[in-house]
Amino acid sequence: MMEKKDLKKLDVAALKQEVESLKKELFNLNLSKITGQVKDISQFGKLRVQIARALTFLKQQDSQKTVKNERKKAKKALR
């Protein structure tokens, strides 16, 4: 699992890939729970937090791009 500082450095594509990877890991953990192989159930919460954190950084980067694009449009309109 990646830390916050590592997630902040990733670009949009890498963040999307990280989210997909974490979701697959959560799915596999659920399958393991069904078969009774999971001993530490706190892993579920940790994975959910990691997914939420990655999605938050993804949303922040997306909104920053939107703001930059709107500024560029506004500058062009003023010319």
Protein backbone atom coordinates (compact mmCIF):
# COMPACT_ATOMS: atom_id res chain seq x y z
CA MET A 1 0.00 0.00 0.00
CA MET A 2 1.17 3.47 -0.86
CA GLU A 3 1.49 6.35 1.56
CA LYS A 4 -0.09 9.78 1.12
CA LYS A 5 3.11 11.43 -0.06
CA ASP A 6 3.55 8.75 -2.74
CA LEU A 7 -0.04 9.13 -3.94
CA LYS A 8 0.35 12.91 -4.25
CA LYS A 9 3.21 12.43 -6.70
CA LEU A 10 1.22 10.21 -9.09
CA ASP A 11 -0.47 11.48 -12.23
CA VAL A 12 -4.11 10.81 -13.13
CA ALA A 13 -3.45 7.60 -15.07
CA ALA A 14 -1.31 6.14 -12.31
CA LEU A 15 -3.92 7.04 -9.69
CA LYS A 16 -6.63 5.32 -11.70
CA GLN A 17 -4.43 2.25 -11.99
CA GLU A 18 -3.78 2.32 -8.23
CA VAL A 19 -7.52 2.52 -7.49
CA GLU A 20 -8.21 -0.45 -9.76
CA SER A 21 -5.42 -2.42 -8.12
CA LEU A 22 -6.76 -1.68 -4.64
CA LYS A 23 -10.28 -2.64 -5.66
CA LYS A 24 -9.03 -5.96 -7.02
CA GLU A 25 -7.14 -6.53 -3.79
CA LEU A 26 -10.31 -5.84 -1.78
CA PHE A 27 -12.24 -8.25 -4.00
CA ASN A 28 -9.65 -10.97 -3.47
CA LEU A 29 -9.71 -10.31 0.25
CA ASN A 30 -13.48 -10.76 0.23
CA LEU A 31 -13.06 -14.09 -1.54
CA SER A 32 -10.51 -15.14 1.06
CA LYS A 33 -12.93 -14.17 3.81
CA ILE A 34 -15.60 -16.41 2.32
CA THR A 35 -13.23 -19.37 2.31
CA GLY A 36 -12.16 -18.58 5.88
CA GLN A 37 -8.54 -17.74 5.09
CA VAL A 38 -8.55 -14.18 6.48
CA LYS A 39 -7.21 -13.87 10.00
CA ASP A 40 -6.83 -10.08 10.22
CA ILE A 41 -10.15 -8.45 9.31
CA SER A 42 -8.72 -4.97 9.87
CA GLN A 43 -7.28 -5.27 6.36
CA PHE A 44 -10.75 -4.51 4.96
CA GLY A 45 -10.91 -1.11 6.60
CA LYS A 46 -7.33 -0.30 5.66
CA LEU A 47 -8.00 -1.11 2.01
CA ARG A 48 -11.19 0.95 1.96
CA VAL A 49 -9.30 3.92 3.43
CA GLN A 50 -6.56 3.53 0.79
CA ILE A 51 -9.18 3.44 -1.99
CA ALA A 52 -10.90 6.55 -0.63
CA ARG A 53 -7.57 8.35 -0.29
CA ALA A 54 -6.56 7.54 -3.88
CA LEU A 55 -9.96 8.62 -5.18
CA THR A 56 -9.66 11.88 -3.24
CA PHE A 57 -6.28 12.68 -4.81
CA LEU A 58 -7.69 11.74 -8.22
CA LYS A 59 -10.62 14.10 -7.73
CA GLN A 60 -8.30 16.90 -6.58
CA GLN A 61 -6.09 16.57 -9.64
CA ASP A 62 -9.13 16.49 -11.90
CA SER A 63 -10.55 19.65 -10.33
CA GLN A 64 -7.17 21.40 -10.63
CA LYS A 65 -7.12 20.62 -14.35
CA THR A 66 -10.63 22.00 -14.69
CA VAL A 67 -9.69 25.24 -12.94
CA LYS A 68 -6.61 25.65 -15.14
CA ASN A 69 -8.69 25.10 -18.28
CA GLU A 70 -11.29 27.62 -17.13
CA ARG A 71 -8.58 30.20 -16.47
CA LYS A 72 -7.16 29.70 -19.94
CA LYS A 73 -10.63 30.14 -21.47
CA ALA A 74 -11.20 33.28 -19.43
CA LYS A 75 -7.88 34.77 -20.55
CA LYS A 76 -8.68 34.02 -24.18
CA ALA A 77 -12.10 35.63 -23.81
CA LEU A 78 -10.55 38.81 -22.42
CA ARG A 79 -8.25 39.24 -25.39
